[in-house]
Amino acid sequence: MDTFGFADIVGPIMVGPSSSHTAGALRIARMARSLLAAAPVRAEFTLYGSFAHTQSGHGTDKALVAGLLGLEPDDLGVRNSFERAHAAGLAFSFCCDREAAVEHPNTVDARIVDAEGGALEVRGVSVGGGAAVVTRIDGIDVNVTGEHTSVVVRQRDETGVLAHIAGCFSDCAVNIATARMYRTRRGSEAFTVMELDGPAPAEAKAAIERHPAVRDVRIVPADGAAGRAAGDAAGRPAGGTGSCATAGAEQAEERFAACDFASGAELLARCTEQGTGLAGAFLAREQALAALDGRACDALPYADRVLAVMRASATEPLREPVPCMGGLIGGEARDVRRSREQGPAVVDGLAGAAMEYALAVLETNASMGRIVAAPTAGSAGVVPGVLLALEQERGLDAAALRRGLLAAGAVGYLIARNATVSGAEGGCQAEIGAAAAMAAAAAVEMAGGTPAQALDAAANALSSLMGLVCDPVGGLVEVPCQKRNATAAATALVSAQIALAGVGNLVGFDETVAAMDAVGRTLPFELRESALGGIAAAPSACAWCAAHA
């Protein structure tokens, strides 16, 4: 069962420039902070793979420090986390290992000392879209995702400890979602990691610590579905209405199973069963997921929050451009608007507006402004470009925009579930291609097309951008990323119009997603967000990098 939700696909709301390299890195460090007994005072980071090759260009270094400080992904203080760390007495250093073989291209090791003298070594992996996993603690392989509240118990490997831990939670009426014990060998030091369906009560933690084999207990708060119940500054508000939280556990599981879908074919079946479009089917799934988590469904309030952030990120640079991290872009959106207004205009109307908004969002992103990863920060301009242009040119209301976002979420969810939305894993096709597919489906939904047409549009867009490599010049999410967002917004609109005309596809949505995934796996490392190939390796790009080293 996959419990990705709306906010995991259309989100997080975050500070740019990269969902995997900025928001994901921050999340790793926040989880590491949760494992400390006291505030961190010294940290040494070793970056591997794509992290090592892009580092400062994607704000990975600032994000790691910000996470250790406890900042949220959308806190603009991420921009000056180094200064904040110095003021807080946190010393830090970075080392880039570009040669070591690691299982995932977005990997970081952190060696941290806290104010009480305790030392911790953590390995984390950013898996795309702002999600992250802690895969190693003090040399022991673990799996801590942060999607649910995680309890990490350091212990001696003795008989009865696991039963003791489970009993403590049972006594406090807390349900355990998953439990696993990790060790290097029998009888050695071990970690038990339990994911809970709710928060971890202080009395349960204290009871666990009373066992003589338990060394310490650390709580990693939820950042995923369970975390949305309490709300957070990353734009996942609590609230909403409905009976989502009142169903019993068994009923909630049955309801979720009836609303969930793992493929485009299953999504179309849900649409037929429910007599609704992609947006309605995805909303029903979101409501069922909320019931499963025991919380109120907040999809519609969250959609409004997303639209507000998208609108700001797409319009502010048109009024007043801001300096970007690398200096490669800035002011393009306003220049294009002025050019179109003064004429002659080759692209006008709907496509022109979508192009301008998409360009503007990438300027916000590249200046470490607040954006919505949809599904990633590097592709954050496509969905708002299309939605806001349709609003402007077609006079659509807020309800139509919400439907568009939900339809986009349905498509993005299927791509993330069955392939990837990470440029470091699948190239730019996984980011820009997925965003274009999401926007194309949204456009069809908002135009009143059928669910089948919406998925045809998504497949059209994805296939049109298949094979696109991820090659950021200087490791910055600026060139060629900004123009690709504008191009993808236009591709989404063209793909939607073709589908609305009833022109079908020889290869359907599910097969197109599978093909994109296969293509991404064949791309060499140099063409997957390493800044070592493609446009990034062109002589002019290399000369610019050398001049600005």
Protein backbone atom coordinates (compact mmCIF):
# COMPACT_ATOMS: atom_id res chain seq x y z
CA MET A 1 0.00 0.00 0.00
CA ASP A 2 1.44 3.40 -1.05
CA THR A 3 0.43 6.31 1.15
CA PHE A 4 1.79 9.20 -0.93
CA GLY A 5 -0.66 12.05 -0.55
CA PHE A 6 -1.53 15.30 -2.34
CA ALA A 7 1.06 17.34 -0.43
CA ASP A 8 3.78 14.80 -1.24
CA ILE A 9 3.26 15.34 -4.98
CA VAL A 10 2.09 18.96 -5.25
CA GLY A 11 4.60 20.04 -2.65
CA PRO A 12 6.43 20.56 -0.50
CA ILE A 13 6.06 24.30 -0.27
CA MET A 14 9.70 25.16 0.10
CA VAL A 15 12.60 27.50 -0.45
CA GLY A 16 14.37 26.78 -3.75
CA PRO A 17 16.20 25.88 -5.76
CA SER A 18 15.93 22.05 -5.70
CA SER A 19 13.41 19.73 -4.07
CA SER A 20 15.88 16.84 -3.88
CA HIS A 21 19.04 18.86 -3.22
CA THR A 22 17.55 21.57 -0.99
CA ALA A 23 14.31 20.38 0.66
CA GLY A 24 15.44 16.74 0.75
CA ALA A 25 18.83 17.64 2.20
CA LEU A 26 17.15 19.81 4.84
CA ARG A 27 14.85 16.94 5.77
CA ILE A 28 17.81 14.59 6.27
CA ALA A 29 19.44 17.05 8.65
CA ARG A 30 16.18 17.65 10.54
CA MET A 31 15.84 13.92 11.13
CA ALA A 32 19.45 13.78 12.29
CA ARG A 33 18.76 16.63 14.72
CA SER A 34 15.85 14.63 16.15
CA LEU A 35 18.27 11.81 16.98
CA LEU A 36 20.46 14.06 19.15
CA ALA A 37 20.16 14.39 22.91
CA ALA A 38 20.94 18.11 22.79
CA ALA A 39 21.46 20.94 20.33
CA PRO A 40 24.22 20.32 17.77
CA VAL A 41 27.47 22.24 18.20
CA ARG A 42 29.64 20.73 15.47
CA ALA A 43 28.85 18.95 12.20
CA GLU A 44 30.96 17.50 9.42
CA PHE A 45 29.17 16.65 6.19
CA THR A 46 30.49 14.41 3.42
CA LEU A 47 28.55 14.67 0.17
CA TYR A 48 28.49 11.94 -2.48
CA GLY A 49 27.29 11.54 -6.05
CA SER A 50 25.08 14.31 -7.39
CA PHE A 51 25.16 16.06 -4.00
CA ALA A 52 28.94 16.32 -4.29
CA HIS A 53 28.86 17.67 -7.83
CA THR A 54 26.23 20.37 -7.30
CA GLN A 55 26.58 21.25 -3.56
CA SER A 56 26.47 25.07 -3.31
CA GLY A 57 24.75 25.49 -6.67
CA HIS A 58 21.64 23.77 -5.38
CA GLY A 59 21.89 25.18 -1.87
CA THR A 60 22.53 21.71 -0.45
CA ASP A 61 25.10 23.05 2.02
CA LYS A 62 22.78 25.80 3.29
CA ALA A 63 19.90 23.34 3.52
CA LEU A 64 21.87 20.82 5.59
CA VAL A 65 22.87 23.49 8.07
CA ALA A 66 19.31 24.84 8.13
CA GLY A 67 17.97 21.38 8.92
CA LEU A 68 20.37 21.01 11.85
CA LEU A 69 19.07 24.35 13.11
CA GLY A 70 15.53 22.97 12.94
CA LEU A 71 14.28 25.27 10.16
CA GLU A 72 11.28 24.26 8.05
CA PRO A 73 11.62 23.72 4.27
CA ASP A 74 9.74 26.95 3.44
CA ASP A 75 11.56 29.17 5.95
CA LEU A 76 13.31 31.96 4.03
CA GLY A 77 15.95 31.80 6.76
CA VAL A 78 17.42 28.85 4.81
CA ARG A 79 19.06 31.51 2.64
CA ASN A 80 21.27 32.71 5.50
CA SER A 81 21.56 29.50 7.50
CA PHE A 82 25.36 29.84 7.71
CA GLU A 83 25.04 33.14 9.54
CA ARG A 84 22.34 31.72 11.80
CA ALA A 85 24.54 28.74 12.60
CA HIS A 86 27.47 30.95 13.57
CA ALA A 87 25.18 32.97 15.84
CA ALA A 88 23.88 29.76 17.44
CA GLY A 89 27.38 28.38 18.07
CA LEU A 90 27.12 25.62 15.47
CA ALA A 91 30.38 24.93 13.64
CA PHE A 92 30.21 23.04 10.36
CA SER A 93 32.33 21.85 7.45
CA PHE A 94 31.81 20.12 4.12
CA CYS A 95 33.75 17.53 2.15
CA CYS A 96 32.82 16.33 -1.35
CA ASP A 97 33.68 12.75 -2.27
CA ARG A 98 33.06 12.42 -6.00
CA GLU A 99 34.73 9.02 -6.36
CA ALA A 100 33.10 6.79 -3.73
CA ALA A 101 30.43 4.40 -4.98
CA VAL A 102 27.08 4.93 -3.22
CA GLU A 103 23.73 3.26 -3.82
CA HIS A 104 21.90 6.56 -4.41
CA PRO A 105 23.25 9.67 -6.15
CA ASN A 106 21.88 12.03 -3.48
CA THR A 107 23.74 10.75 -0.42
CA VAL A 108 25.27 12.55 2.56
CA ASP A 109 27.07 11.42 5.71
CA ALA A 110 26.86 13.64 8.77
CA ARG A 111 29.06 13.39 11.85
CA ILE A 112 27.50 15.50 14.58
CA VAL A 113 28.49 16.40 18.14
CA ASP A 114 25.85 17.83 20.47
CA ALA A 115 26.06 20.20 23.42
CA GLU A 116 26.28 17.30 25.89
CA GLY A 117 29.26 15.76 24.12
CA GLY A 118 27.28 13.03 22.42
CA ALA A 119 28.41 11.99 18.95
CA LEU A 120 26.22 10.71 16.11
CA GLU A 121 26.97 9.48 12.61
CA VAL A 122 24.10 9.43 10.14
CA ARG A 123 23.80 8.62 6.44
CA GLY A 124 20.84 10.08 4.60
CA VAL A 125 19.49 9.85 1.07
CA SER A 126 17.26 12.35 -0.70
CA VAL A 127 14.92 10.30 -2.87
CA GLY A 128 13.23 13.07 -4.85
CA GLY A 129 10.39 15.55 -4.44
CA GLY A 130 11.71 16.63 -1.01
CA ALA A 131 11.42 13.16 0.50
CA ALA A 132 14.38 11.64 2.35
CA VAL A 133 15.45 8.51 4.19
CA VAL A 134 18.00 7.98 6.95
CA THR A 135 19.71 4.76 5.90
CA ARG A 136 22.46 4.40 8.52
CA ILE A 137 22.95 5.38 12.15
CA ASP A 138 26.35 4.87 13.80
CA GLY A 139 27.35 2.27 11.24
CA ILE A 140 24.14 0.24 11.43
CA ASP A 141 21.88 0.14 8.38
CA VAL A 142 18.36 1.37 9.15
CA ASN A 143 15.37 2.80 7.28
CA VAL A 144 13.81 5.94 8.78
CA THR A 145 11.60 7.84 6.33
CA GLY A 146 9.93 10.42 8.56
CA GLU A 147 6.63 9.78 6.79
CA HIS A 148 5.20 8.65 10.13
CA THR A 149 6.38 9.41 13.64
CA SER A 150 9.42 7.16 14.04
CA VAL A 151 10.77 5.92 17.34
CA VAL A 152 14.44 4.96 17.17
CA VAL A 153 15.58 2.85 20.13
CA ARG A 154 19.29 2.18 20.63
CA GLN A 155 19.69 -1.06 22.60
CA ARG A 156 21.66 -4.19 23.26
CA ASP A 157 20.42 -7.07 21.16
CA GLU A 158 18.70 -9.08 23.90
CA THR A 159 15.64 -11.30 24.05
CA GLY A 160 12.49 -9.47 25.12
CA VAL A 161 13.49 -5.89 24.29
CA LEU A 162 11.26 -5.66 21.23
CA ALA A 163 8.31 -7.05 23.19
CA HIS A 164 8.99 -4.50 25.94
CA ILE A 165 8.94 -1.62 23.46
CA ALA A 166 5.74 -2.82 21.82
CA GLY A 167 4.12 -3.30 25.23
CA CYS A 168 4.91 0.27 26.24
CA PHE A 169 3.08 1.61 23.22
CA SER A 170 0.22 -0.82 23.71
CA ASP A 171 -0.19 0.41 27.29
CA CYS A 172 -0.56 3.93 25.92
CA ALA A 173 -3.05 2.82 23.21
CA VAL A 174 -0.68 3.76 20.39
CA ASN A 175 -0.85 1.68 17.23
CA ILE A 176 2.42 0.55 15.63
CA ALA A 177 2.42 0.80 11.85
CA THR A 178 5.77 -0.93 11.24
CA ALA A 179 8.54 -2.36 13.43
CA ARG A 180 11.99 -3.62 12.60
CA MET A 181 15.19 -4.31 14.48
CA TYR A 182 18.55 -3.61 12.86
CA ARG A 183 21.88 -5.04 14.04
CA THR A 184 25.34 -5.89 12.77
CA ARG A 185 25.45 -9.27 14.53
CA ARG A 186 23.61 -11.24 17.18
CA GLY A 187 24.07 -9.87 20.68
CA SER A 188 25.63 -6.62 19.47
CA GLU A 189 24.35 -3.07 19.62
CA ALA A 190 21.13 -2.68 17.67
CA PHE A 191 18.43 -0.23 16.72
CA THR A 192 14.70 -0.85 16.81
CA VAL A 193 12.77 1.49 14.53
CA MET A 194 9.02 1.70 14.94
CA GLU A 195 6.69 3.84 12.86
CA LEU A 196 3.53 4.92 14.68
CA ASP A 197 0.09 5.88 13.44
CA GLY A 198 0.15 8.87 15.79
CA PRO A 199 2.47 10.84 18.06
CA ALA A 200 4.71 9.11 20.59
CA PRO A 201 3.54 9.85 24.17
CA ALA A 202 6.18 10.98 26.65
CA GLU A 203 5.08 8.28 29.11
CA ALA A 204 5.72 5.55 26.51
CA LYS A 205 9.19 6.91 25.83
CA ALA A 206 9.96 6.99 29.56
CA ALA A 207 8.70 3.44 30.03
CA ILE A 208 10.85 2.15 27.18
CA GLU A 209 13.94 3.81 28.66
CA ARG A 210 13.47 1.93 31.95
CA HIS A 211 14.54 -1.35 30.34
CA PRO A 212 18.19 -2.06 31.26
CA ALA A 213 19.11 -3.01 27.69
CA VAL A 214 17.86 0.28 26.26
CA ARG A 215 20.53 2.96 25.86
CA ASP A 216 18.35 5.79 24.56
CA VAL A 217 15.13 6.59 22.71
CA ARG A 218 14.81 9.24 20.02
CA ILE A 219 11.64 10.49 18.34
CA VAL A 220 11.67 11.58 14.69
CA PRO A 221 8.48 13.61 14.13
CA ALA A 222 6.41 12.85 11.07
CA ASP A 223 6.88 14.95 7.96
CA GLY A 224 4.59 12.86 5.79
CA ALA A 225 0.90 12.07 5.93
CA ALA A 226 0.71 11.89 9.70
CA GLY A 227 2.53 15.19 10.05
CA ARG A 228 -0.16 17.00 8.08
CA ALA A 229 -2.59 16.50 10.92
CA ALA A 230 -0.85 19.05 13.10
CA GLY A 231 0.10 21.38 10.24
CA ASP A 232 3.51 22.90 9.68
CA ALA A 233 5.23 25.82 8.09
CA ALA A 234 5.92 23.77 4.97
CA GLY A 235 2.36 24.53 3.94
CA ARG A 236 0.52 21.46 5.15
CA PRO A 237 -2.24 22.99 7.23
CA ALA A 238 -4.48 21.17 9.66
CA GLY A 239 -8.21 21.57 9.54
CA GLY A 240 -10.90 20.83 6.99
CA THR A 241 -14.21 19.17 7.55
CA GLY A 242 -15.72 15.80 6.95
CA SER A 243 -16.02 12.42 8.56
CA CYS A 244 -12.56 11.25 7.49
CA ALA A 245 -11.27 10.81 11.04
CA THR A 246 -14.30 9.06 12.53
CA ALA A 247 -14.25 5.71 10.75
CA GLY A 248 -12.87 2.71 12.54
CA ALA A 249 -9.46 1.39 11.57
CA GLU A 250 -10.85 -1.58 9.66
CA GLN A 251 -13.39 0.54 7.81
CA ALA A 252 -10.70 3.09 7.01
CA GLU A 253 -8.48 0.43 5.46
CA GLU A 254 -11.37 -0.91 3.39
CA ARG A 255 -12.27 2.58 2.27
CA PHE A 256 -8.71 3.39 1.26
CA ALA A 257 -8.40 0.13 -0.65
CA ALA A 258 -11.60 1.01 -2.53
CA CYS A 259 -10.33 4.49 -3.43
CA ASP A 260 -6.65 3.79 -4.08
CA PHE A 261 -5.22 3.25 -7.56
CA ALA A 262 -1.81 2.06 -8.67
CA SER A 263 -2.03 2.74 -12.41
CA GLY A 264 -3.74 4.92 -14.95
CA ALA A 265 -6.05 2.04 -15.81
CA GLU A 266 -7.11 1.73 -12.17
CA LEU A 267 -7.57 5.50 -11.93
CA LEU A 268 -9.94 5.42 -14.92
CA ALA A 269 -11.84 2.58 -13.26
CA ARG A 270 -12.21 4.67 -10.08
CA CYS A 271 -13.48 7.59 -12.18
CA THR A 272 -16.10 5.34 -13.77
CA GLU A 273 -17.16 3.83 -10.43
CA GLN A 274 -17.49 7.24 -8.79
CA GLY A 275 -18.86 9.10 -11.82
CA THR A 276 -16.16 11.75 -11.53
CA GLY A 277 -13.02 13.11 -13.17
CA LEU A 278 -9.41 12.74 -12.17
CA ALA A 279 -9.77 15.47 -9.57
CA GLY A 280 -12.74 13.81 -7.88
CA ALA A 281 -11.08 10.39 -7.82
CA PHE A 282 -7.89 11.83 -6.35
CA LEU A 283 -9.86 13.81 -3.76
CA ALA A 284 -11.72 10.64 -2.74
CA ARG A 285 -8.38 8.89 -2.32
CA GLU A 286 -7.06 11.81 -0.28
CA GLN A 287 -10.12 11.70 1.99
CA ALA A 288 -9.69 7.95 2.46
CA LEU A 289 -6.00 8.45 3.22
CA ALA A 290 -6.89 11.04 5.83
CA ALA A 291 -9.29 8.59 7.46
CA LEU A 292 -6.56 5.97 7.45
CA ASP A 293 -4.27 8.43 9.26
CA GLY A 294 -7.02 9.37 11.71
CA ARG A 295 -7.11 13.03 10.71
CA ALA A 296 -9.41 15.51 9.04
CA CYS A 297 -9.02 15.82 5.28
CA ASP A 298 -7.29 19.08 4.40
CA ALA A 299 -6.86 18.72 0.64
CA LEU A 300 -8.93 21.75 -0.36
CA PRO A 301 -7.45 24.20 2.20
CA TYR A 302 -4.02 22.92 1.20
CA ALA A 303 -4.85 23.51 -2.48
CA ASP A 304 -5.71 27.13 -1.67
CA ARG A 305 -2.40 27.55 0.17
CA VAL A 306 -0.55 26.05 -2.81
CA LEU A 307 -2.30 28.37 -5.25
CA ALA A 308 -1.42 31.42 -3.15
CA VAL A 309 2.29 30.47 -3.11
CA MET A 310 2.23 29.64 -6.82
CA ARG A 311 0.62 32.99 -7.62
CA ALA A 312 3.21 34.93 -5.64
CA SER A 313 6.15 33.03 -7.12
CA ALA A 314 4.80 33.54 -10.67
CA THR A 315 3.94 37.23 -10.44
CA GLU A 316 6.48 38.93 -8.17
CA PRO A 317 9.42 38.60 -10.63
CA LEU A 318 7.24 40.16 -13.34
CA ARG A 319 6.97 43.27 -11.18
CA GLU A 320 10.47 43.27 -9.70
CA PRO A 321 13.14 40.73 -10.69
CA VAL A 322 15.43 39.58 -7.88
CA PRO A 323 19.08 38.41 -8.00
CA CYS A 324 19.52 34.66 -8.41
CA MET A 325 22.09 32.48 -6.67
CA GLY A 326 24.35 31.98 -9.65
CA GLY A 327 23.63 35.14 -11.59
CA LEU A 328 22.78 33.23 -14.78
CA ILE A 329 19.13 34.30 -14.88
CA GLY A 330 17.01 37.16 -13.62
CA GLY A 331 14.54 39.47 -15.39
CA GLU A 332 13.74 37.16 -18.30
CA ALA A 333 10.04 36.88 -17.45
CA ARG A 334 9.61 40.66 -17.39
CA ASP A 335 11.63 41.07 -20.60
CA VAL A 336 9.45 38.53 -22.40
CA ARG A 337 6.26 40.22 -21.22
CA ARG A 338 7.49 43.62 -22.40
CA SER A 339 8.52 42.16 -25.74
CA ARG A 340 5.11 40.57 -26.26
CA GLU A 341 3.32 43.78 -25.27
CA GLN A 342 5.39 45.96 -27.58
CA GLY A 343 5.32 43.43 -30.44
CA PRO A 344 5.65 41.80 -32.75
CA ALA A 345 4.60 38.72 -30.78
CA VAL A 346 5.13 35.21 -32.09
CA VAL A 347 3.54 33.63 -28.99
CA ASP A 348 0.55 35.39 -27.53
CA GLY A 349 -2.59 34.72 -25.50
CA LEU A 350 -2.73 31.57 -23.41
CA ALA A 351 0.63 30.09 -24.39
CA GLY A 352 2.35 33.45 -23.94
CA ALA A 353 0.98 33.90 -20.42
CA ALA A 354 1.93 30.34 -19.46
CA MET A 355 5.45 30.95 -20.75
CA GLU A 356 5.86 34.18 -18.72
CA TYR A 357 4.59 32.66 -15.49
CA ALA A 358 6.78 29.58 -15.85
CA LEU A 359 9.87 31.74 -16.46
CA ALA A 360 9.01 33.85 -13.41
CA VAL A 361 8.63 30.89 -11.04
CA LEU A 362 12.12 29.68 -11.91
CA GLU A 363 13.49 33.14 -11.10
CA THR A 364 11.83 32.92 -7.69
CA ASN A 365 13.21 29.43 -7.25
CA ALA A 366 16.75 30.36 -8.29
CA SER A 367 16.81 33.24 -5.79
CA MET A 368 15.95 30.81 -2.96
CA GLY A 369 12.44 32.20 -2.84
CA ARG A 370 9.35 30.28 -1.75
CA ILE A 371 7.85 27.97 -4.39
CA VAL A 372 5.77 24.81 -4.66
CA ALA A 373 7.59 21.72 -5.88
CA ALA A 374 5.18 20.33 -8.48
CA PRO A 375 6.47 17.72 -8.51
CA THR A 376 9.98 19.16 -8.00
CA ALA A 377 11.53 22.57 -7.54
CA GLY A 378 13.41 22.34 -10.83
CA SER A 379 10.09 21.91 -12.63
CA ALA A 380 8.09 24.22 -10.36
CA GLY A 381 7.10 26.66 -13.12
CA VAL A 382 5.13 24.34 -15.39
CA VAL A 383 1.94 23.66 -13.40
CA PRO A 384 1.46 27.23 -12.10
CA GLY A 385 2.30 28.56 -15.57
CA VAL A 386 -0.52 26.57 -17.13
CA LEU A 387 -3.06 27.02 -14.32
CA LEU A 388 -2.57 30.77 -13.89
CA ALA A 389 -2.61 31.34 -17.64
CA LEU A 390 -5.90 29.46 -17.94
CA GLU A 391 -7.31 31.48 -15.07
CA GLN A 392 -6.22 34.74 -16.71
CA GLU A 393 -7.20 33.97 -20.29
CA ARG A 394 -10.32 31.87 -19.70
CA GLY A 395 -11.71 33.57 -16.60
CA LEU A 396 -11.67 30.40 -14.49
CA ASP A 397 -12.61 30.49 -10.82
CA ALA A 398 -10.94 29.09 -7.70
CA ALA A 399 -12.93 25.84 -7.87
CA ALA A 400 -11.60 25.16 -11.37
CA LEU A 401 -8.03 25.80 -10.22
CA ARG A 402 -8.48 23.37 -7.32
CA ARG A 403 -9.76 20.73 -9.76
CA GLY A 404 -6.74 21.32 -11.92
CA LEU A 405 -4.35 20.91 -9.00
CA LEU A 406 -6.02 17.68 -7.89
CA ALA A 407 -5.92 16.26 -11.42
CA ALA A 408 -2.24 17.20 -11.61
CA GLY A 409 -1.73 15.47 -8.27
CA ALA A 410 -3.31 12.26 -9.54
CA VAL A 411 -0.95 12.10 -12.52
CA GLY A 412 2.11 13.08 -10.51
CA TYR A 413 1.30 10.45 -7.92
CA LEU A 414 1.19 7.71 -10.56
CA ILE A 415 4.50 8.82 -12.09
CA ALA A 416 6.20 8.97 -8.68
CA ARG A 417 4.74 5.61 -7.70
CA ASN A 418 5.65 3.76 -10.88
CA ALA A 419 8.78 5.59 -12.03
CA THR A 420 10.54 8.62 -10.53
CA VAL A 421 10.32 12.43 -10.43
CA SER A 422 13.97 12.86 -9.44
CA GLY A 423 16.38 14.35 -11.95
CA ALA A 424 19.27 12.57 -10.23
CA GLU A 425 17.55 9.24 -10.92
CA GLY A 426 15.76 9.76 -14.23
CA GLY A 427 17.09 12.93 -15.83
CA CYS A 428 15.13 16.09 -16.57
CA GLN A 429 12.42 14.02 -18.29
CA ALA A 430 11.48 12.81 -14.81
CA GLU A 431 11.05 16.38 -13.55
CA ILE A 432 10.01 18.54 -16.51
CA GLY A 433 8.31 15.62 -18.23
CA ALA A 434 6.28 14.75 -15.15
CA ALA A 435 5.36 18.41 -14.59
CA ALA A 436 4.21 18.77 -18.19
CA ALA A 437 2.13 15.61 -17.88
CA MET A 438 0.56 16.92 -14.68
CA ALA A 439 -0.20 20.31 -16.26
CA ALA A 440 -1.63 18.74 -19.42
CA ALA A 441 -4.03 16.58 -17.40
CA ALA A 442 -4.98 19.62 -15.32
CA ALA A 443 -5.76 21.63 -18.44
CA VAL A 444 -8.05 18.90 -19.80
CA GLU A 445 -9.80 18.55 -16.45
CA MET A 446 -10.36 22.31 -16.22
CA ALA A 447 -11.67 22.38 -19.81
CA GLY A 448 -14.27 19.71 -19.05
CA GLY A 449 -12.58 16.85 -20.88
CA THR A 450 -13.00 13.21 -19.95
CA PRO A 451 -10.69 11.29 -17.60
CA ALA A 452 -9.40 9.27 -20.56
CA GLN A 453 -8.57 12.48 -22.42
CA ALA A 454 -6.75 13.82 -19.38
CA LEU A 455 -4.52 10.75 -19.22
CA ASP A 456 -4.00 10.90 -22.99
CA ALA A 457 -2.83 14.49 -22.59
CA ALA A 458 -0.46 13.45 -19.81
CA ALA A 459 0.99 10.69 -21.98
CA ASN A 460 1.35 13.12 -24.90
CA ALA A 461 3.36 15.54 -22.80
CA LEU A 462 5.51 12.87 -21.19
CA SER A 463 6.37 11.24 -24.49
CA SER A 464 7.18 14.61 -26.08
CA LEU A 465 9.83 15.27 -23.44
CA MET A 466 11.13 11.72 -23.06
CA GLY A 467 14.90 11.41 -23.01
CA LEU A 468 15.47 14.96 -21.76
CA VAL A 469 18.69 15.03 -19.75
CA CYS A 470 19.35 16.93 -16.54
CA ASP A 471 22.39 19.16 -17.16
CA PRO A 472 22.37 22.27 -14.95
CA VAL A 473 25.22 24.62 -15.77
CA GLY A 474 27.41 25.06 -12.73
CA GLY A 475 25.04 22.87 -10.72
CA LEU A 476 22.57 25.78 -10.63
CA VAL A 477 18.84 25.40 -11.25
CA GLU A 478 18.99 28.24 -13.76
CA VAL A 479 20.33 27.27 -17.22
CA PRO A 480 18.81 25.48 -19.08
CA CYS A 481 16.13 24.85 -16.45
CA GLN A 482 14.25 28.14 -16.73
CA LYS A 483 13.59 27.95 -20.47
CA ARG A 484 12.70 24.27 -20.22
CA ASN A 485 9.92 25.16 -17.78
CA ALA A 486 8.50 27.66 -20.27
CA THR A 487 8.77 25.16 -23.13
CA ALA A 488 7.15 22.44 -21.04
CA ALA A 489 4.21 24.71 -20.19
CA ALA A 490 3.58 25.20 -23.91
CA THR A 491 3.99 21.46 -24.50
CA ALA A 492 1.37 20.78 -21.83
CA LEU A 493 -1.15 23.06 -23.52
CA VAL A 494 -0.53 21.55 -26.96
CA SER A 495 -0.81 18.04 -25.50
CA ALA A 496 -4.10 18.94 -23.83
CA GLN A 497 -5.59 20.38 -27.02
CA ILE A 498 -4.66 17.30 -29.02
CA ALA A 499 -6.32 15.07 -26.42
CA LEU A 500 -9.44 17.26 -26.25
CA ALA A 501 -9.79 16.82 -30.02
CA GLY A 502 -10.22 13.11 -29.39
CA VAL A 503 -6.88 12.14 -30.88
CA GLY A 504 -5.86 9.00 -29.01
CA ASN A 505 -2.49 7.40 -28.36
CA LEU A 506 -1.02 4.17 -29.67
CA VAL A 507 0.93 3.87 -26.39
CA GLY A 508 -1.17 4.63 -23.34
CA PHE A 509 -0.31 6.48 -20.14
CA ASP A 510 0.88 3.49 -18.09
CA GLU A 511 3.19 2.21 -20.82
CA THR A 512 4.53 5.73 -21.38
CA VAL A 513 5.41 6.06 -17.69
CA ALA A 514 7.16 2.69 -17.81
CA ALA A 515 9.08 3.73 -20.92
CA MET A 516 10.17 6.98 -19.28
CA ASP A 517 11.42 5.04 -16.28
CA ALA A 518 13.38 2.65 -18.49
CA VAL A 519 14.93 5.54 -20.43
CA GLY A 520 15.92 7.26 -17.21
CA ARG A 521 17.69 4.15 -15.95
CA THR A 522 19.82 4.03 -19.10
CA LEU A 523 21.01 7.63 -18.86
CA PRO A 524 24.63 7.88 -17.71
CA PHE A 525 25.39 9.61 -14.43
CA GLU A 526 26.76 12.64 -16.32
CA LEU A 527 23.26 13.32 -17.67
CA ARG A 528 21.42 12.99 -14.37
CA GLU A 529 21.85 16.25 -12.41
CA SER A 530 25.62 15.99 -12.03
CA ALA A 531 26.43 19.14 -14.04
CA LEU A 532 28.98 17.03 -15.96
CA GLY A 533 27.27 16.49 -19.32
CA GLY A 534 24.94 17.99 -21.90
CA ILE A 535 24.70 21.79 -21.92
CA ALA A 536 26.67 21.89 -18.66
CA ALA A 537 29.71 20.45 -20.47
CA ALA A 538 29.57 22.84 -23.45
CA PRO A 539 32.67 25.08 -23.80
CA SER A 540 30.76 28.29 -23.06
CA ALA A 541 29.25 26.78 -19.93
CA CYS A 542 32.63 25.51 -18.75
CA ALA A 543 34.20 28.91 -19.40
CA TRP A 544 31.51 30.61 -17.33
CA CYS A 545 32.02 28.13 -14.49
CA ALA A 546 35.78 28.66 -14.56
CA ALA A 547 35.34 32.43 -14.44
CA HIS A 548 32.98 32.18 -11.47
CA ALA A 549 34.74 29.44 -9.52
